[in-house]
Amino acid sequence: MDDSHFRYELRPGHYVCLSPLSDEILDELGVDGLGDSFGYFIYETEGGVSASRCTNVLVH
Protein backbone atom coordinates (compact mmCIF):
# COMPACT_ATOMS: atom_id res chain seq x y z
CA MET A 1 0.00 0.00 0.00
CA ASP A 2 1.17 3.50 -0.71
CA ASP A 3 2.24 5.73 2.15
CA SER A 4 -0.70 7.64 3.57
CA HIS A 5 -0.67 11.40 3.31
CA PHE A 6 -3.39 11.52 5.96
CA ARG A 7 -4.26 8.83 8.50
CA TYR A 8 -6.86 9.10 11.25
CA GLU A 9 -7.48 6.34 13.80
CA LEU A 10 -11.20 5.73 14.32
CA ARG A 11 -10.65 3.01 16.91
CA PRO A 12 -7.66 0.82 17.74
CA GLY A 13 -6.39 -0.71 14.51
CA HIS A 14 -9.04 0.90 12.26
CA TYR A 15 -8.03 3.95 10.20
CA VAL A 16 -9.34 6.25 7.51
CA CYS A 17 -6.58 7.29 5.10
CA LEU A 18 -6.01 9.65 2.18
CA SER A 19 -3.38 8.75 -0.43
CA PRO A 20 -2.92 7.35 -3.91
CA LEU A 21 -3.58 3.60 -4.29
CA SER A 22 -1.84 1.24 -6.68
CA ASP A 23 -3.64 -0.58 -9.51
CA GLU A 24 -2.90 -3.86 -7.73
CA ILE A 25 -4.77 -2.79 -4.59
CA LEU A 26 -7.74 -1.54 -6.59
CA ASP A 27 -7.86 -4.81 -8.56
CA GLU A 28 -7.59 -6.81 -5.34
CA LEU A 29 -10.60 -4.96 -3.90
CA GLY A 30 -12.61 -5.32 -7.11
CA VAL A 31 -13.14 -1.56 -7.35
CA ASP A 32 -14.74 -0.59 -10.69
CA GLY A 33 -16.23 2.58 -12.08
CA LEU A 34 -13.75 5.05 -10.59
CA GLY A 35 -12.10 5.99 -13.85
CA ASP A 36 -8.35 5.50 -13.58
CA SER A 37 -6.15 5.05 -10.53
CA PHE A 38 -4.62 8.52 -10.85
CA GLY A 39 -5.34 10.79 -7.90
CA TYR A 40 -6.14 10.39 -4.25
CA PHE A 41 -8.48 8.00 -2.51
CA ILE A 42 -10.14 8.05 0.89
CA TYR A 43 -10.19 4.50 2.21
CA GLU A 44 -10.35 2.39 5.35
CA THR A 45 -7.59 0.13 6.66
CA GLU A 46 -7.39 -2.43 9.42
CA GLY A 47 -4.39 -3.68 11.35
CA GLY A 48 -1.36 -2.07 12.88
CA VAL A 49 0.69 0.56 11.09
CA SER A 50 3.13 -1.98 9.64
CA ALA A 51 0.47 -4.60 8.81
CA SER A 52 -2.43 -2.46 7.64
CA ARG A 53 -4.50 -3.54 4.67
CA CYS A 54 -7.00 -1.57 2.63
CA THR A 55 -10.52 -2.87 3.24
CA ASN A 56 -12.84 -0.35 1.62
CA VAL A 57 -12.43 2.53 -0.84
CA LEU A 58 -14.81 5.33 0.16
CA VAL A 59 -14.06 8.14 -2.33
CA HIS A 60 -11.90 8.79 -5.40
C-alpha atoms as a PDB file:
ATOM      1  CA  MET A   1       0.000   0.000   0.000  1.00  0.00           C
ATOM      2  CA  ASP A   2       1.170   3.501  -0.711  1.00  0.00           C
ATOM      3  CA  ASP A   3       2.238   5.729   2.150  1.00  0.00           C
ATOM      4  CA  SER A   4      -0.695   7.635   3.574  1.00  0.00           C
ATOM      5  CA  HIS A   5      -0.671  11.401   3.309  1.00  0.00           C
ATOM      6  CA  PHE A   6      -3.387  11.521   5.955  1.00  0.00           C
ATOM      7  CA  ARG A   7      -4.257   8.828   8.500  1.00  0.00           C
ATOM      8  CA  TYR A   8      -6.865   9.101  11.255  1.00  0.00           C
ATOM      9  CA  GLU A   9      -7.478   6.335  13.795  1.00  0.00           C
ATOM     10  CA  LEU A  10     -11.198   5.733  14.324  1.00  0.00           C
ATOM     11  CA  ARG A  11     -10.650   3.012  16.910  1.00  0.00           C
ATOM     12  CA  PRO A  12      -7.659   0.821  17.740  1.00  0.00           C
ATOM     13  CA  GLY A  13      -6.394  -0.713  14.511  1.00  0.00           C
ATOM     14  CA  HIS A  14      -9.045   0.901  12.258  1.00  0.00           C
ATOM     15  CA  TYR A  15      -8.026   3.946  10.204  1.00  0.00           C
ATOM     16  CA  VAL A  16      -9.339   6.250   7.507  1.00  0.00           C
ATOM     17  CA  CYS A  17      -6.578   7.293   5.097  1.00  0.00           C
ATOM     18  CA  LEU A  18      -6.009   9.652   2.175  1.00  0.00           C
ATOM     19  CA  SER A  19      -3.384   8.752  -0.429  1.00  0.00           C
ATOM     20  CA  PRO A  20      -2.915   7.348  -3.908  1.00  0.00           C
ATOM     21  CA  LEU A  21      -3.579   3.596  -4.289  1.00  0.00           C
ATOM     22  CA  SER A  22      -1.844   1.239  -6.684  1.00  0.00           C
ATOM     23  CA  ASP A  23      -3.637  -0.578  -9.508  1.00  0.00           C
ATOM     24  CA  GLU A  24      -2.896  -3.863  -7.728  1.00  0.00           C
ATOM     25  CA  ILE A  25      -4.765  -2.792  -4.588  1.00  0.00           C
ATOM     26  CA  LEU A  26      -7.743  -1.537  -6.593  1.00  0.00           C
ATOM     27  CA  ASP A  27      -7.863  -4.808  -8.561  1.00  0.00           C
ATOM     28  CA  GLU A  28      -7.588  -6.811  -5.338  1.00  0.00           C
ATOM     29  CA  LEU A  29     -10.600  -4.957  -3.905  1.00  0.00           C
ATOM     30  CA  GLY A  30     -12.612  -5.323  -7.114  1.00  0.00           C
ATOM     31  CA  VAL A  31     -13.142  -1.564  -7.355  1.00  0.00           C
ATOM     32  CA  ASP A  32     -14.736  -0.588 -10.686  1.00  0.00           C
ATOM     33  CA  GLY A  33     -16.231   2.580 -12.082  1.00  0.00           C
ATOM     34  CA  LEU A  34     -13.755   5.050 -10.591  1.00  0.00           C
ATOM     35  CA  GLY A  35     -12.096   5.987 -13.852  1.00  0.00           C
ATOM     36  CA  ASP A  36      -8.352   5.505 -13.576  1.00  0.00           C
ATOM     37  CA  SER A  37      -6.150   5.045 -10.531  1.00  0.00           C
ATOM     38  CA  PHE A  38      -4.621   8.517 -10.855  1.00  0.00           C
ATOM     39  CA  GLY A  39      -5.339  10.787  -7.900  1.00  0.00           C
ATOM     40  CA  TYR A  40      -6.136  10.387  -4.248  1.00  0.00           C
ATOM     41  CA  PHE A  41      -8.479   8.000  -2.509  1.00  0.00           C
ATOM     42  CA  ILE A  42     -10.142   8.045   0.893  1.00  0.00           C
ATOM     43  CA  TYR A  43     -10.186   4.497   2.212  1.00  0.00           C
ATOM     44  CA  GLU A  44     -10.350   2.386   5.354  1.00  0.00           C
ATOM     45  CA  THR A  45      -7.590   0.135   6.664  1.00  0.00           C
ATOM     46  CA  GLU A  46      -7.389  -2.431   9.424  1.00  0.00           C
ATOM     47  CA  GLY A  47      -4.392  -3.676  11.350  1.00  0.00           C
ATOM     48  CA  GLY A  48      -1.360  -2.070  12.881  1.00  0.00           C
ATOM     49  CA  VAL A  49       0.686   0.556  11.086  1.00  0.00           C
ATOM     50  CA  SER A  50       3.131  -1.981   9.639  1.00  0.00           C
ATOM     51  CA  ALA A  51       0.469  -4.599   8.808  1.00  0.00           C
ATOM     52  CA  SER A  52      -2.434  -2.463   7.635  1.00  0.00           C
ATOM     53  CA  ARG A  53      -4.504  -3.537   4.673  1.00  0.00           C
ATOM     54  CA  CYS A  54      -7.002  -1.574   2.632  1.00  0.00           C
ATOM     55  CA  THR A  55     -10.520  -2.875   3.242  1.00  0.00           C
ATOM     56  CA  ASN A  56     -12.845  -0.348   1.618  1.00  0.00           C
ATOM     57  CA  VAL A  57     -12.434   2.528  -0.841  1.00  0.00           C
ATOM     58  CA  LEU A  58     -14.806   5.329   0.159  1.00  0.00           C
ATOM     59  CA  VAL A  59     -14.058   8.137  -2.333  1.00  0.00           C
ATOM     60  CA  HIS A  60     -11.901   8.787  -5.403  1.00  0.00           C
END
